[in-house]
Protein backbone atom coordinates (compact mmCIF):
# COMPACT_ATOMS: atom_id res chain seq x y z
CA MET A 1 -66.13 101.17 -35.50
CA ASP A 2 -69.00 98.73 -35.29
CA LEU A 3 -68.65 94.96 -35.40
CA GLU A 4 -70.09 94.70 -38.91
CA GLU A 5 -67.49 97.10 -40.30
CA LEU A 6 -64.78 95.22 -38.42
CA ARG A 7 -65.90 91.94 -40.02
CA ARG A 8 -65.39 93.53 -43.43
CA GLN A 9 -61.91 94.75 -42.48
CA MET A 10 -60.66 91.46 -41.02
CA PRO A 11 -59.44 90.02 -44.35
CA GLU A 12 -57.39 93.19 -44.98
CA ILE A 13 -55.96 93.12 -41.46
CA PHE A 14 -54.98 89.49 -42.01
CA GLU A 15 -53.29 90.35 -45.31
CA GLN A 16 -51.21 92.90 -43.40
CA VAL A 17 -50.33 90.25 -40.79
CA LYS A 18 -49.20 87.83 -43.51
CA GLN A 19 -47.07 90.47 -45.25
CA ASP A 20 -45.45 91.49 -41.97
CA VAL A 21 -44.69 87.89 -40.98
CA GLU A 22 -43.25 87.13 -44.42
CA ARG A 23 -41.01 90.18 -44.23
CA GLU A 24 -39.92 89.55 -40.62
CA ILE A 25 -39.38 85.77 -40.48
CA ARG A 26 -39.68 84.65 -44.12
CA ARG A 27 -42.51 82.19 -43.41
CA HIS A 28 -46.04 81.92 -44.73
CA ARG A 29 -48.88 79.54 -45.27
CA ALA A 30 -52.06 79.58 -47.28
CA GLY A 31 -55.58 78.35 -46.94
CA LEU A 32 -56.62 79.61 -43.52
CA SER A 33 -60.12 80.67 -42.58
CA LEU A 34 -61.45 82.77 -39.73
CA GLY A 35 -64.42 81.84 -37.61
CA LEU A 36 -66.09 84.12 -35.10
CA ILE A 37 -67.49 82.31 -32.09
CA GLU A 38 -69.18 83.46 -28.90
CA MET A 39 -66.99 82.07 -26.09
CA GLY A 40 -67.85 84.61 -23.41
CA ILE A 41 -65.85 86.00 -20.52
CA TYR A 42 -65.46 84.36 -17.13
CA ARG A 43 -64.48 86.51 -14.12
CA GLY A 44 -62.69 88.98 -16.34
CA ASN A 45 -60.70 86.38 -18.24
CA PHE A 46 -61.27 85.37 -21.81
CA ILE A 47 -59.78 83.52 -24.71
CA ALA A 48 -59.25 85.97 -27.56
CA GLY A 49 -58.44 83.43 -30.25
CA LEU A 50 -57.64 79.80 -30.87
CA PHE A 51 -55.81 77.76 -33.44
CA PHE A 52 -55.68 73.98 -33.26
CA ALA A 53 -52.44 72.44 -34.50
CA GLY A 54 -53.00 70.78 -37.86
CA GLY A 55 -56.13 72.83 -38.50
CA THR A 56 -56.98 75.48 -41.04
CA MET A 57 -59.29 77.76 -39.04
CA ILE A 58 -58.47 80.54 -36.63
CA LEU A 59 -61.26 81.10 -34.11
CA MET A 60 -61.85 84.52 -32.56
CA ASN A 61 -64.07 85.19 -29.53
CA THR A 62 -66.77 87.75 -30.36
CA THR A 63 -67.45 88.74 -26.74
CA PRO A 64 -64.28 90.85 -26.32
CA LEU A 65 -64.71 92.10 -29.91
CA ARG A 66 -68.10 93.55 -29.00
CA ILE A 67 -66.66 95.20 -25.89
CA ILE A 68 -63.62 96.71 -27.57
CA THR A 69 -65.56 98.01 -30.60
CA ALA A 70 -68.00 99.75 -28.25
CA GLU A 71 -65.41 101.24 -25.91
CA GLN A 72 -62.18 101.92 -27.82
CA PRO A 73 -61.06 104.05 -30.79
CA ASP A 74 -60.64 102.42 -34.19
CA ILE A 75 -56.83 102.18 -33.93
CA VAL A 76 -57.14 100.12 -30.74
CA VAL A 77 -59.79 97.87 -32.31
CA TRP A 78 -57.65 97.38 -35.43
CA SER A 79 -54.58 96.68 -33.28
CA TYR A 80 -56.45 94.14 -31.15
CA VAL A 81 -57.54 92.19 -34.23
CA TYR A 82 -54.06 92.48 -35.72
CA HIS A 83 -52.52 91.17 -32.49
CA VAL A 84 -54.89 88.20 -32.16
CA LEU A 85 -54.52 87.25 -35.83
CA LEU A 86 -50.73 87.62 -35.67
CA HIS A 87 -50.49 85.38 -32.61
CA GLU A 88 -52.79 82.70 -34.05
CA TYR A 89 -51.15 82.90 -37.49
CA LEU A 90 -47.79 82.21 -35.85
CA HIS A 91 -49.33 79.15 -34.18
CA SER A 92 -50.50 78.03 -37.64
CA LEU A 93 -46.90 78.32 -38.86
CA GLY A 94 -45.80 75.76 -36.31
CA PHE A 95 -44.93 77.96 -33.34
CA ILE A 96 -47.06 75.86 -31.00
CA ASN A 97 -45.21 76.61 -27.75
CA GLU A 98 -47.12 79.50 -26.17
CA LYS A 99 -44.08 81.23 -24.67
CA GLN A 100 -42.19 81.06 -27.98
CA CYS A 101 -45.25 82.35 -29.85
CA ARG A 102 -45.70 85.28 -27.44
CA THR A 103 -42.02 86.20 -27.72
CA LEU A 104 -42.18 86.14 -31.51
CA THR A 105 -45.43 88.17 -31.47
CA ILE A 106 -43.68 90.84 -29.39
CA GLU A 107 -40.61 90.87 -31.65
CA ILE A 108 -42.64 91.19 -34.85
CA SER A 109 -44.95 93.84 -33.38
CA LYS A 110 -42.02 95.97 -32.22
CA ASN A 111 -40.25 95.64 -35.58
CA VAL A 112 -43.37 96.46 -37.60
CA PHE A 113 -44.78 99.35 -35.57
CA LYS A 114 -41.52 100.76 -34.14
CA ASP A 115 -43.37 102.88 -31.52
CA VAL A 116 -43.68 101.27 -28.06
CA LYS A 117 -46.87 103.32 -27.58
CA HIS A 118 -48.60 101.80 -30.62
CA PRO A 119 -51.62 99.77 -29.43
CA ALA A 120 -50.44 96.63 -31.26
CA VAL A 121 -47.12 96.78 -29.41
CA ILE A 122 -48.92 97.41 -26.12
CA PHE A 123 -51.17 94.37 -26.68
CA ALA A 124 -48.09 92.27 -27.44
CA THR A 125 -46.01 93.48 -24.49
CA LYS A 126 -48.60 94.13 -21.78
CA GLY A 127 -51.31 91.67 -22.70
CA LEU A 128 -54.90 91.89 -23.86
CA GLY A 129 -56.12 93.55 -20.69
CA ALA A 130 -54.20 96.74 -21.51
CA PHE A 131 -57.18 98.36 -23.23
CA PHE A 132 -60.02 96.55 -21.53
CA PRO A 133 -61.58 97.89 -18.36
CA LYS A 134 -61.40 95.65 -15.32
CA LEU A 135 -63.88 92.98 -16.36
CA HIS A 136 -65.46 91.58 -13.24
CA LEU A 137 -68.40 90.25 -15.15
CA ILE A 138 -69.15 86.66 -15.90
CA TYR A 139 -70.74 86.00 -19.24
CA ALA A 140 -71.09 82.66 -20.90
CA PRO A 141 -73.44 82.35 -23.85
CA THR A 142 -76.53 80.32 -23.03
CA ASN A 143 -76.06 78.13 -26.11
CA PHE A 144 -72.38 77.39 -25.40
CA SER A 145 -71.94 73.65 -25.09
CA LEU A 146 -69.10 71.67 -26.55
CA GLN A 147 -71.30 68.58 -26.55
CA LYS A 148 -73.99 70.28 -28.65
CA GLY A 149 -71.56 72.21 -30.79
CA VAL A 150 -71.38 75.94 -31.27
CA ARG A 151 -72.25 78.34 -34.06
CA ILE A 152 -69.19 79.57 -35.96
CA GLU A 153 -69.60 82.52 -38.31
CA LYS A 154 -67.04 82.25 -41.12
CA ILE A 155 -65.59 85.49 -42.41
CA LYS A 156 -65.95 85.61 -46.18
CA GLU A 157 -62.89 86.00 -48.43
CA PHE A 158 -60.60 85.78 -45.40
CA ASP A 159 -57.32 84.45 -46.82
CA LYS A 160 -58.11 85.78 -50.28
CA SER A 161 -54.56 86.37 -51.53
CA SER A 162 -53.82 82.67 -51.04
CA TYR A 163 -56.68 81.69 -53.27
CA GLN A 164 -55.92 84.33 -55.88
CA SER A 165 -52.37 83.08 -56.34
CA TYR A 166 -53.43 79.43 -56.18
CA PHE A 167 -55.86 79.70 -59.10
CA ILE A 168 -53.77 81.92 -61.37
C-alpha cells in the first residue's frame, strides 16, 4: 500500500475505531480532524501520534508511515494506523493518563480482534517497534521548527459520520 492510498483509507479506519470504541466502552465524540505532520525519527525513537487535551485534531507522524508502507504488508499498515488512531481517540475522550490509555488500548484491541497474533493486538501489547526494523537512523525534517511552525496536511472528510449526523 502506498501512502496516497493510505491517506484515502484513513477516514474509514477511523470510522472503524469509533464503532469499536462505542461498542466496547460506550463513549464517543464528534468533530475531530486528522493532520499528517513530518516529525521525524531520532535514534530509532519516534512519536507516532499526538492529541492535545481540549483540542480537536489528532496529529500523526508521516515519517514512520512512509517506512511502514514501504516495508510491511497492508494488514500491518492498516493495523498501525488503527492502533495510533485508537490510542489518540481515547485521549480525545478524556483518557489523558498515558498508562490508563495504553491499558484501555490493549483491552479494546484484544476484544475487537480476538487473535493475539493480529498486528493491531501486537502493536497494542508489544509496542510500535514490533513491526519496525531496528531504526538506528536519525532523521529530523529540515523545516521542523516549533518557532516557525510546521506544515500540517489535513485529511479530507476525516470524521465524516459526525458531520453527516450533525447536519441531518
